[in-house]
Amino acid sequence: MQFQFESLSDFLSMGNYGFYVWLSYAVSIIAMGGLIWFSRREEKQIMQQVKKELAREAQLNKK
């Protein structure tokens, strides 16, 4: 098996393009993390709203 890079520092520098490569990974991970966080927060808010509406409908149907 032959490796592309001679050492870990060669791997991290990626032929002097390491900054751009690792920056793109970081931006992608942050964007995906933000999307997951926002989606979960939105889902929680929607579920709370649905519970409130169901409770209100139950109160109105009792009368």
C-alpha atoms as a PDB file:
ATOM      1  CA  MET A   1       0.000   0.000   0.000  1.00  0.00           C
ATOM      2  CA  GLN A   2       1.402   3.378  -0.997  1.00  0.00           C
ATOM      3  CA  PHE A   3       0.438   6.614   0.735  1.00  0.00           C
ATOM      4  CA  GLN A   4       0.021   9.942  -1.042  1.00  0.00           C
ATOM      5  CA  PHE A   5       1.789  11.904   1.695  1.00  0.00           C
ATOM      6  CA  GLU A   6       5.172  11.321   3.308  1.00  0.00           C
ATOM      7  CA  SER A   7       4.207  12.645   6.759  1.00  0.00           C
ATOM      8  CA  LEU A   8       1.343  14.044   8.782  1.00  0.00           C
ATOM      9  CA  SER A   9       2.495  17.613   8.158  1.00  0.00           C
ATOM     10  CA  ASP A  10       2.471  16.939   4.398  1.00  0.00           C
ATOM     11  CA  PHE A  11      -1.053  15.595   4.749  1.00  0.00           C
ATOM     12  CA  LEU A  12      -2.199  18.639   6.721  1.00  0.00           C
ATOM     13  CA  SER A  13      -0.591  21.105   4.300  1.00  0.00           C
ATOM     14  CA  MET A  14      -2.111  19.296   1.278  1.00  0.00           C
ATOM     15  CA  GLY A  15       0.504  20.632  -1.110  1.00  0.00           C
ATOM     16  CA  ASN A  16       0.149  24.216   0.180  1.00  0.00           C
ATOM     17  CA  TYR A  17      -3.634  24.075  -0.268  1.00  0.00           C
ATOM     18  CA  GLY A  18      -4.296  22.807   3.254  1.00  0.00           C
ATOM     19  CA  PHE A  19      -5.719  26.104   4.495  1.00  0.00           C
ATOM     20  CA  TYR A  20      -8.418  26.097   1.805  1.00  0.00           C
ATOM     21  CA  VAL A  21      -9.149  22.386   2.143  1.00  0.00           C
ATOM     22  CA  TRP A  22      -9.499  22.434   5.929  1.00  0.00           C
ATOM     23  CA  LEU A  23     -11.379  25.738   5.849  1.00  0.00           C
ATOM     24  CA  SER A  24     -13.923  24.235   3.451  1.00  0.00           C
ATOM     25  CA  TYR A  25     -14.338  21.234   5.764  1.00  0.00           C
ATOM     26  CA  ALA A  26     -14.815  23.542   8.759  1.00  0.00           C
ATOM     27  CA  VAL A  27     -17.371  25.720   6.957  1.00  0.00           C
ATOM     28  CA  SER A  28     -19.295  22.640   5.819  1.00  0.00           C
ATOM     29  CA  ILE A  29     -19.356  21.109   9.301  1.00  0.00           C
ATOM     30  CA  ILE A  30     -20.442  24.399  10.886  1.00  0.00           C
ATOM     31  CA  ALA A  31     -23.180  24.862   8.263  1.00  0.00           C
ATOM     32  CA  MET A  32     -24.488  21.320   8.743  1.00  0.00           C
ATOM     33  CA  GLY A  33     -24.366  21.698  12.528  1.00  0.00           C
ATOM     34  CA  GLY A  34     -26.279  24.965  12.282  1.00  0.00           C
ATOM     35  CA  LEU A  35     -28.875  23.366  10.041  1.00  0.00           C
ATOM     36  CA  ILE A  36     -29.364  20.477  12.477  1.00  0.00           C
ATOM     37  CA  TRP A  37     -29.605  22.867  15.443  1.00  0.00           C
ATOM     38  CA  PHE A  38     -32.082  25.161  13.653  1.00  0.00           C
ATOM     39  CA  SER A  39     -34.226  22.222  12.502  1.00  0.00           C
ATOM     40  CA  ARG A  40     -34.445  20.748  15.999  1.00  0.00           C
ATOM     41  CA  ARG A  41     -35.292  24.131  17.510  1.00  0.00           C
ATOM     42  CA  GLU A  42     -37.985  24.712  14.890  1.00  0.00           C
ATOM     43  CA  GLU A  43     -39.420  21.220  15.445  1.00  0.00           C
ATOM     44  CA  LYS A  44     -39.606  21.830  19.193  1.00  0.00           C
ATOM     45  CA  GLN A  45     -41.437  25.132  18.655  1.00  0.00           C
ATOM     46  CA  ILE A  46     -43.906  23.553  16.228  1.00  0.00           C
ATOM     47  CA  MET A  47     -44.608  20.666  18.616  1.00  0.00           C
ATOM     48  CA  GLN A  48     -45.279  23.118  21.462  1.00  0.00           C
ATOM     49  CA  GLN A  49     -47.650  25.078  19.235  1.00  0.00           C
ATOM     50  CA  VAL A  50     -49.508  21.906  18.213  1.00  0.00           C
ATOM     51  CA  LYS A  51     -49.861  20.846  21.864  1.00  0.00           C
ATOM     52  CA  LYS A  52     -51.294  24.263  22.751  1.00  0.00           C
ATOM     53  CA  GLU A  53     -53.772  24.089  19.869  1.00  0.00           C
ATOM     54  CA  LEU A  54     -54.850  20.557  20.832  1.00  0.00           C
ATOM     55  CA  ALA A  55     -55.335  21.609  24.449  1.00  0.00           C
ATOM     56  CA  ARG A  56     -57.380  24.610  23.325  1.00  0.00           C
ATOM     57  CA  GLU A  57     -59.547  22.431  21.071  1.00  0.00           C
ATOM     58  CA  ALA A  58     -60.063  19.971  23.921  1.00  0.00           C
ATOM     59  CA  GLN A  59     -61.201  22.826  26.179  1.00  0.00           C
ATOM     60  CA  LEU A  60     -63.595  24.120  23.521  1.00  0.00           C
ATOM     61  CA  ASN A  61     -65.046  20.636  22.899  1.00  0.00           C
ATOM     62  CA  LYS A  62     -65.760  20.125  26.624  1.00  0.00           C
ATOM     63  CA  LYS A  63     -68.141  23.071  26.723  1.00  0.00           C
END
